[in-house]
Amino acid sequence: NGQQPDEEENTSVEQQVVTFLKTKAVEVDSCNIEACHLLSRRSNSEKQAVIIRFANRKHKMTLIKQGKKLKGTYVYMNDHLTKQNADIARKARYLKKEGKIQHTWTSNCKIYVKLKGTPEQAKVLHIRSMEELDKY
């Protein structure tokens, strides 16, 4: 409705998220959640996203590592990237789709790519700028 959700609504969202994750064997302690709220939708047909901020980075990383347990549920866990890093990650995914790199992923808001080739050539690189991806 365009208004800020009250604390009761946020608590309800947090409880729903924790309950859902536990049904998927994803361990999360609500004491480690600092804030949890819904994002407004861009359109009515779009699923509503939930943002969770953790008390510390260690708890966030532990939860993201368990994200593989959510395969097939249409629920995804991602780092909240800056616009620049999101653009770099998007380009890296495009390069993977085009077959120019072997793999790409983010960890702790950093973008990594694995090059194609023999085990000696298939290095893992931390990508910091678009220019670094222009080589591929």
N, C-alpha and C. Protein backbone atom coordinates (compact mmCIF):
# COMPACT_ATOMS: atom_id res chain seq x y z
N ASN A 1 0.81 -1.21 0.00
CA ASN A 1 0.00 0.00 0.00
C ASN A 1 0.85 1.26 0.00
N GLY A 2 2.15 1.14 -0.20
CA GLY A 2 3.03 2.29 -0.30
C GLY A 2 3.53 2.80 1.03
N GLN A 3 3.04 2.24 2.13
CA GLN A 3 3.47 2.68 3.45
C GLN A 3 4.55 1.75 3.98
N GLN A 4 5.30 2.24 4.96
CA GLN A 4 6.33 1.42 5.58
C GLN A 4 5.65 0.34 6.41
N PRO A 5 6.12 -0.92 6.33
CA PRO A 5 5.53 -1.97 7.16
C PRO A 5 5.86 -1.74 8.63
N ASP A 6 4.92 -2.10 9.50
CA ASP A 6 5.20 -1.92 10.92
C ASP A 6 6.00 -3.10 11.45
N GLU A 7 6.41 -3.00 12.70
CA GLU A 7 7.28 -4.01 13.28
C GLU A 7 6.60 -5.38 13.33
N GLU A 8 5.28 -5.40 13.56
CA GLU A 8 4.54 -6.67 13.62
C GLU A 8 4.57 -7.38 12.27
N GLU A 9 4.39 -6.63 11.17
CA GLU A 9 4.45 -7.22 9.83
C GLU A 9 5.85 -7.80 9.56
N ASN A 10 6.89 -7.05 9.93
CA ASN A 10 8.26 -7.52 9.71
C ASN A 10 8.53 -8.80 10.51
N THR A 11 8.02 -8.88 11.75
CA THR A 11 8.19 -10.07 12.57
C THR A 11 7.50 -11.25 11.92
N SER A 12 6.30 -11.03 11.38
CA SER A 12 5.57 -12.09 10.70
C SER A 12 6.33 -12.60 9.48
N VAL A 13 6.89 -11.69 8.69
CA VAL A 13 7.69 -12.07 7.52
C VAL A 13 8.90 -12.88 7.99
N GLU A 14 9.55 -12.41 9.02
CA GLU A 14 10.72 -13.11 9.55
C GLU A 14 10.35 -14.52 9.99
N GLN A 15 9.22 -14.67 10.71
CA GLN A 15 8.79 -15.99 11.16
C GLN A 15 8.48 -16.91 9.98
N GLN A 16 7.84 -16.37 8.95
CA GLN A 16 7.52 -17.16 7.75
C GLN A 16 8.80 -17.63 7.06
N VAL A 17 9.78 -16.74 6.95
CA VAL A 17 11.05 -17.08 6.31
C VAL A 17 11.76 -18.17 7.09
N VAL A 18 11.86 -18.01 8.39
CA VAL A 18 12.55 -18.99 9.24
C VAL A 18 11.85 -20.34 9.17
N THR A 19 10.51 -20.34 9.24
CA THR A 19 9.74 -21.58 9.16
C THR A 19 9.97 -22.27 7.82
N PHE A 20 9.89 -21.52 6.72
CA PHE A 20 10.11 -22.10 5.39
C PHE A 20 11.50 -22.70 5.29
N LEU A 21 12.53 -21.96 5.71
CA LEU A 21 13.90 -22.45 5.60
C LEU A 21 14.09 -23.72 6.42
N LYS A 22 13.49 -23.78 7.59
CA LYS A 22 13.64 -24.98 8.43
C LYS A 22 12.98 -26.20 7.77
N THR A 23 11.88 -25.99 7.02
CA THR A 23 11.24 -27.12 6.33
C THR A 23 12.13 -27.65 5.22
N LYS A 24 13.08 -26.85 4.77
CA LYS A 24 14.02 -27.26 3.72
C LYS A 24 15.38 -27.65 4.29
N ALA A 25 15.45 -27.87 5.60
CA ALA A 25 16.67 -28.28 6.30
C ALA A 25 17.77 -27.22 6.21
N VAL A 26 17.38 -25.96 6.10
CA VAL A 26 18.32 -24.85 6.11
C VAL A 26 18.34 -24.29 7.54
N GLU A 27 19.49 -24.35 8.17
CA GLU A 27 19.61 -23.91 9.55
C GLU A 27 19.73 -22.39 9.62
N VAL A 28 18.81 -21.78 10.36
CA VAL A 28 18.87 -20.34 10.58
C VAL A 28 18.28 -20.05 11.96
N ASP A 29 18.95 -19.18 12.69
CA ASP A 29 18.49 -18.78 14.01
C ASP A 29 17.95 -17.36 13.91
N SER A 30 16.70 -17.17 14.27
CA SER A 30 16.10 -15.84 14.14
C SER A 30 16.81 -14.79 15.00
N CYS A 31 17.56 -15.22 16.01
CA CYS A 31 18.32 -14.28 16.84
C CYS A 31 19.43 -13.60 16.02
N ASN A 32 19.85 -14.25 14.92
CA ASN A 32 20.91 -13.70 14.08
C ASN A 32 20.38 -12.76 13.00
N ILE A 33 19.07 -12.64 12.89
CA ILE A 33 18.46 -11.76 11.89
C ILE A 33 18.25 -10.39 12.51
N GLU A 34 18.86 -9.38 11.90
CA GLU A 34 18.73 -8.02 12.39
C GLU A 34 17.47 -7.36 11.83
N ALA A 35 17.17 -7.62 10.55
CA ALA A 35 15.99 -7.04 9.91
C ALA A 35 15.51 -7.99 8.82
N CYS A 36 14.20 -8.00 8.60
CA CYS A 36 13.62 -8.85 7.56
C CYS A 36 12.36 -8.16 7.06
N HIS A 37 12.31 -7.87 5.76
CA HIS A 37 11.11 -7.20 5.23
C HIS A 37 10.92 -7.51 3.76
N LEU A 38 9.70 -7.26 3.28
CA LEU A 38 9.37 -7.48 1.88
C LEU A 38 9.80 -6.29 1.05
N LEU A 39 10.21 -6.54 -0.19
CA LEU A 39 10.47 -5.47 -1.14
C LEU A 39 9.19 -5.23 -1.93
N SER A 40 8.94 -3.99 -2.31
CA SER A 40 7.76 -3.73 -3.11
C SER A 40 7.93 -4.33 -4.49
N ARG A 41 6.83 -4.75 -5.09
CA ARG A 41 6.85 -5.38 -6.41
C ARG A 41 6.90 -4.33 -7.50
N ARG A 42 7.53 -4.69 -8.61
CA ARG A 42 7.53 -3.79 -9.77
C ARG A 42 6.21 -3.94 -10.53
N SER A 43 5.65 -5.16 -10.51
CA SER A 43 4.36 -5.41 -11.16
C SER A 43 3.61 -6.45 -10.34
N ASN A 44 2.31 -6.54 -10.54
CA ASN A 44 1.49 -7.48 -9.76
C ASN A 44 1.83 -8.94 -10.07
N SER A 45 2.34 -9.21 -11.27
CA SER A 45 2.64 -10.59 -11.65
C SER A 45 3.98 -11.06 -11.08
N GLU A 46 4.76 -10.15 -10.55
CA GLU A 46 6.09 -10.48 -10.03
C GLU A 46 5.99 -11.02 -8.61
N LYS A 47 6.77 -12.07 -8.33
CA LYS A 47 6.83 -12.60 -6.96
C LYS A 47 7.51 -11.57 -6.07
N GLN A 48 7.07 -11.52 -4.82
CA GLN A 48 7.62 -10.54 -3.90
C GLN A 48 8.91 -11.05 -3.27
N ALA A 49 9.93 -10.22 -3.30
CA ALA A 49 11.24 -10.57 -2.74
C ALA A 49 11.30 -10.18 -1.27
N VAL A 50 12.15 -10.89 -0.55
CA VAL A 50 12.36 -10.63 0.87
C VAL A 50 13.83 -10.28 1.07
N ILE A 51 14.07 -9.24 1.83
CA ILE A 51 15.44 -8.84 2.18
C ILE A 51 15.68 -9.21 3.63
N ILE A 52 16.81 -9.87 3.89
CA ILE A 52 17.19 -10.21 5.26
C ILE A 52 18.56 -9.62 5.54
N ARG A 53 18.66 -8.89 6.64
CA ARG A 53 19.97 -8.38 7.07
C ARG A 53 20.35 -9.12 8.35
N PHE A 54 21.56 -9.66 8.35
CA PHE A 54 22.01 -10.45 9.48
C PHE A 54 22.83 -9.61 10.44
N ALA A 55 22.92 -10.10 11.67
CA ALA A 55 23.67 -9.40 12.71
C ALA A 55 25.15 -9.31 12.35
N ASN A 56 25.66 -10.33 11.65
CA ASN A 56 27.04 -10.25 11.18
C ASN A 56 27.21 -11.06 9.90
N ARG A 57 28.30 -10.81 9.22
CA ARG A 57 28.58 -11.42 7.92
C ARG A 57 28.73 -12.94 8.01
N LYS A 58 29.25 -13.43 9.11
CA LYS A 58 29.46 -14.87 9.27
C LYS A 58 28.13 -15.63 9.18
N HIS A 59 27.09 -15.10 9.77
CA HIS A 59 25.77 -15.75 9.72
C HIS A 59 25.22 -15.72 8.29
N LYS A 60 25.43 -14.61 7.60
CA LYS A 60 24.97 -14.48 6.21
C LYS A 60 25.66 -15.52 5.34
N MET A 61 26.97 -15.64 5.46
CA MET A 61 27.72 -16.58 4.64
C MET A 61 27.31 -18.02 4.93
N THR A 62 27.05 -18.34 6.19
CA THR A 62 26.60 -19.68 6.56
C THR A 62 25.28 -20.00 5.88
N LEU A 63 24.36 -19.05 5.88
CA LEU A 63 23.06 -19.26 5.25
C LEU A 63 23.17 -19.38 3.74
N ILE A 64 23.95 -18.52 3.12
CA ILE A 64 24.10 -18.56 1.66
C ILE A 64 24.71 -19.89 1.21
N LYS A 65 25.64 -20.44 1.98
CA LYS A 65 26.26 -21.72 1.63
C LYS A 65 25.23 -22.85 1.64
N GLN A 66 24.17 -22.70 2.43
CA GLN A 66 23.12 -23.72 2.49
C GLN A 66 22.08 -23.54 1.38
N GLY A 67 22.24 -22.52 0.56
CA GLY A 67 21.26 -22.21 -0.48
C GLY A 67 21.02 -23.33 -1.47
N LYS A 68 21.98 -24.24 -1.64
CA LYS A 68 21.81 -25.37 -2.57
C LYS A 68 20.65 -26.26 -2.15
N LYS A 69 20.30 -26.26 -0.87
CA LYS A 69 19.19 -27.07 -0.39
C LYS A 69 17.84 -26.57 -0.91
N LEU A 70 17.83 -25.36 -1.47
CA LEU A 70 16.58 -24.75 -1.95
C LEU A 70 16.34 -25.00 -3.43
N LYS A 71 17.19 -25.80 -4.05
CA LYS A 71 17.05 -26.08 -5.47
C LYS A 71 15.65 -26.62 -5.77
N GLY A 72 15.02 -26.06 -6.79
CA GLY A 72 13.68 -26.50 -7.19
C GLY A 72 12.55 -25.81 -6.45
N THR A 73 12.84 -24.86 -5.58
CA THR A 73 11.79 -24.20 -4.81
C THR A 73 11.47 -22.80 -5.32
N TYR A 74 12.20 -22.32 -6.31
CA TYR A 74 12.06 -20.95 -6.81
C TYR A 74 12.42 -19.92 -5.75
N VAL A 75 13.22 -20.33 -4.78
CA VAL A 75 13.73 -19.42 -3.76
C VAL A 75 15.23 -19.35 -3.96
N TYR A 76 15.75 -18.13 -4.01
CA TYR A 76 17.17 -17.93 -4.26
C TYR A 76 17.76 -17.05 -3.17
N MET A 77 19.00 -17.33 -2.82
CA MET A 77 19.73 -16.51 -1.86
C MET A 77 20.90 -15.87 -2.59
N ASN A 78 20.99 -14.57 -2.49
CA ASN A 78 22.06 -13.84 -3.17
C ASN A 78 22.67 -12.80 -2.25
N ASP A 79 23.93 -12.47 -2.54
CA ASP A 79 24.54 -11.30 -1.91
C ASP A 79 23.86 -10.06 -2.45
N HIS A 80 23.79 -9.03 -1.66
CA HIS A 80 23.27 -7.75 -2.13
C HIS A 80 24.47 -6.97 -2.71
N LEU A 81 24.57 -6.96 -4.03
CA LEU A 81 25.73 -6.37 -4.71
C LEU A 81 25.50 -4.90 -5.01
N THR A 82 26.60 -4.14 -5.07
CA THR A 82 26.51 -2.76 -5.53
C THR A 82 26.13 -2.79 -7.01
N LYS A 83 25.70 -1.67 -7.55
CA LYS A 83 25.33 -1.61 -8.97
C LYS A 83 26.51 -2.03 -9.84
N GLN A 84 27.70 -1.53 -9.53
CA GLN A 84 28.89 -1.87 -10.31
C GLN A 84 29.16 -3.37 -10.27
N ASN A 85 29.14 -3.97 -9.08
CA ASN A 85 29.40 -5.40 -8.97
C ASN A 85 28.29 -6.23 -9.62
N ALA A 86 27.05 -5.77 -9.55
CA ALA A 86 25.94 -6.47 -10.20
C ALA A 86 26.16 -6.48 -11.72
N ASP A 87 26.62 -5.36 -12.27
CA ASP A 87 26.90 -5.28 -13.71
C ASP A 87 28.04 -6.21 -14.10
N ILE A 88 29.07 -6.28 -13.27
CA ILE A 88 30.20 -7.18 -13.53
C ILE A 88 29.73 -8.62 -13.48
N ALA A 89 28.93 -8.96 -12.47
CA ALA A 89 28.42 -10.33 -12.34
C ALA A 89 27.53 -10.69 -13.53
N ARG A 90 26.71 -9.76 -13.99
CA ARG A 90 25.84 -9.99 -15.15
C ARG A 90 26.68 -10.28 -16.40
N LYS A 91 27.72 -9.49 -16.59
CA LYS A 91 28.59 -9.70 -17.76
C LYS A 91 29.31 -11.05 -17.66
N ALA A 92 29.74 -11.42 -16.46
CA ALA A 92 30.41 -12.70 -16.26
C ALA A 92 29.45 -13.85 -16.57
N ARG A 93 28.19 -13.73 -16.14
CA ARG A 93 27.21 -14.78 -16.47
C ARG A 93 26.99 -14.86 -17.98
N TYR A 94 27.01 -13.72 -18.65
CA TYR A 94 26.87 -13.70 -20.11
C TYR A 94 28.05 -14.42 -20.76
N LEU A 95 29.27 -14.15 -20.28
CA LEU A 95 30.46 -14.81 -20.83
C LEU A 95 30.40 -16.33 -20.61
N LYS A 96 29.87 -16.75 -19.48
CA LYS A 96 29.72 -18.19 -19.23
C LYS A 96 28.71 -18.77 -20.22
N LYS A 97 27.60 -18.08 -20.41
CA LYS A 97 26.57 -18.56 -21.34
C LYS A 97 27.12 -18.66 -22.76
N GLU A 98 28.00 -17.74 -23.11
CA GLU A 98 28.62 -17.75 -24.44
C GLU A 98 29.76 -18.77 -24.55
N GLY A 99 30.11 -19.41 -23.43
CA GLY A 99 31.15 -20.43 -23.45
C GLY A 99 32.56 -19.88 -23.40
N LYS A 100 32.72 -18.61 -23.03
CA LYS A 100 34.05 -18.00 -23.01
C LYS A 100 34.79 -18.21 -21.69
N ILE A 101 34.04 -18.47 -20.63
CA ILE A 101 34.63 -18.83 -19.35
C ILE A 101 33.93 -20.10 -18.85
N GLN A 102 34.57 -20.79 -17.94
CA GLN A 102 34.01 -22.06 -17.46
C GLN A 102 32.92 -21.86 -16.42
N HIS A 103 33.13 -20.94 -15.47
CA HIS A 103 32.19 -20.80 -14.35
C HIS A 103 32.31 -19.40 -13.76
N THR A 104 31.24 -18.92 -13.13
CA THR A 104 31.28 -17.65 -12.41
C THR A 104 30.41 -17.75 -11.17
N TRP A 105 30.78 -17.03 -10.11
CA TRP A 105 30.00 -17.01 -8.89
C TRP A 105 30.38 -15.79 -8.08
N THR A 106 29.56 -15.50 -7.07
CA THR A 106 29.89 -14.43 -6.13
C THR A 106 30.05 -15.06 -4.75
N SER A 107 30.89 -14.46 -3.97
CA SER A 107 31.08 -14.87 -2.59
C SER A 107 31.49 -13.64 -1.79
N ASN A 108 30.73 -13.36 -0.76
CA ASN A 108 31.01 -12.21 0.10
C ASN A 108 31.10 -10.92 -0.72
N CYS A 109 30.16 -10.78 -1.66
CA CYS A 109 30.03 -9.60 -2.53
C CYS A 109 31.20 -9.41 -3.50
N LYS A 110 31.98 -10.46 -3.72
CA LYS A 110 33.08 -10.42 -4.69
C LYS A 110 32.73 -11.35 -5.85
N ILE A 111 33.16 -10.99 -7.06
CA ILE A 111 32.85 -11.78 -8.25
C ILE A 111 34.08 -12.59 -8.63
N TYR A 112 33.86 -13.89 -8.91
CA TYR A 112 34.92 -14.78 -9.31
C TYR A 112 34.56 -15.44 -10.64
N VAL A 113 35.57 -15.72 -11.44
CA VAL A 113 35.38 -16.50 -12.67
C VAL A 113 36.45 -17.58 -12.71
N LYS A 114 36.08 -18.70 -13.34
CA LYS A 114 37.05 -19.77 -13.58
C LYS A 114 37.22 -19.85 -15.08
N LEU A 115 38.46 -19.73 -15.52
CA LEU A 115 38.77 -19.73 -16.95
C LEU A 115 38.65 -21.14 -17.51
N LYS A 116 38.47 -21.22 -18.83
CA LYS A 116 38.41 -22.51 -19.51
C LYS A 116 39.83 -23.00 -19.79
N GLY A 117 39.95 -24.29 -20.00
CA GLY A 117 41.23 -24.85 -20.39
C GLY A 117 41.65 -26.00 -19.53
N THR A 118 42.92 -26.39 -19.69
CA THR A 118 43.48 -27.48 -18.90
C THR A 118 43.50 -27.06 -17.44
N PRO A 119 43.69 -28.00 -16.53
CA PRO A 119 43.73 -27.63 -15.11
C PRO A 119 44.74 -26.52 -14.80
N GLU A 120 45.85 -26.47 -15.54
CA GLU A 120 46.83 -25.41 -15.31
C GLU A 120 46.32 -24.06 -15.81
N GLN A 121 45.52 -24.08 -16.88
CA GLN A 121 45.00 -22.84 -17.47
C GLN A 121 43.71 -22.37 -16.79
N ALA A 122 42.97 -23.28 -16.18
CA ALA A 122 41.66 -22.97 -15.60
C ALA A 122 41.82 -22.31 -14.23
N LYS A 123 42.39 -21.12 -14.24
CA LYS A 123 42.62 -20.38 -13.00
C LYS A 123 41.32 -19.75 -12.51
N VAL A 124 41.22 -19.54 -11.21
CA VAL A 124 40.12 -18.79 -10.61
C VAL A 124 40.61 -17.36 -10.40
N LEU A 125 39.86 -16.40 -10.92
CA LEU A 125 40.23 -14.99 -10.81
C LEU A 125 39.17 -14.21 -10.05
N HIS A 126 39.61 -13.29 -9.21
CA HIS A 126 38.71 -12.34 -8.56
C HIS A 126 38.61 -11.14 -9.49
N ILE A 127 37.40 -10.85 -9.97
CA ILE A 127 37.19 -9.77 -10.94
C ILE A 127 36.75 -8.52 -10.20
N ARG A 128 37.48 -7.43 -10.43
CA ARG A 128 37.19 -6.17 -9.74
C ARG A 128 36.61 -5.09 -10.65
N SER A 129 36.72 -5.27 -11.99
CA SER A 129 36.22 -4.24 -12.90
C SER A 129 35.78 -4.86 -14.22
N MET A 130 34.99 -4.14 -14.96
CA MET A 130 34.52 -4.58 -16.28
C MET A 130 35.70 -4.78 -17.22
N GLU A 131 36.71 -3.95 -17.09
CA GLU A 131 37.87 -4.03 -17.98
C GLU A 131 38.56 -5.39 -17.87
N GLU A 132 38.56 -5.97 -16.68
CA GLU A 132 39.18 -7.28 -16.51
C GLU A 132 38.42 -8.35 -17.30
N LEU A 133 37.11 -8.19 -17.48
CA LEU A 133 36.32 -9.15 -18.24
C LEU A 133 36.44 -8.94 -19.74
N ASP A 134 36.87 -7.74 -20.16
CA ASP A 134 36.95 -7.44 -21.59
C ASP A 134 37.94 -8.34 -22.31
N LYS A 135 38.90 -8.94 -21.58
CA LYS A 135 39.89 -9.82 -22.18
C LYS A 135 39.25 -11.10 -22.71
N TYR A 136 38.07 -11.44 -22.19
CA TYR A 136 37.47 -12.73 -22.51
C TYR A 136 36.27 -12.54 -23.42
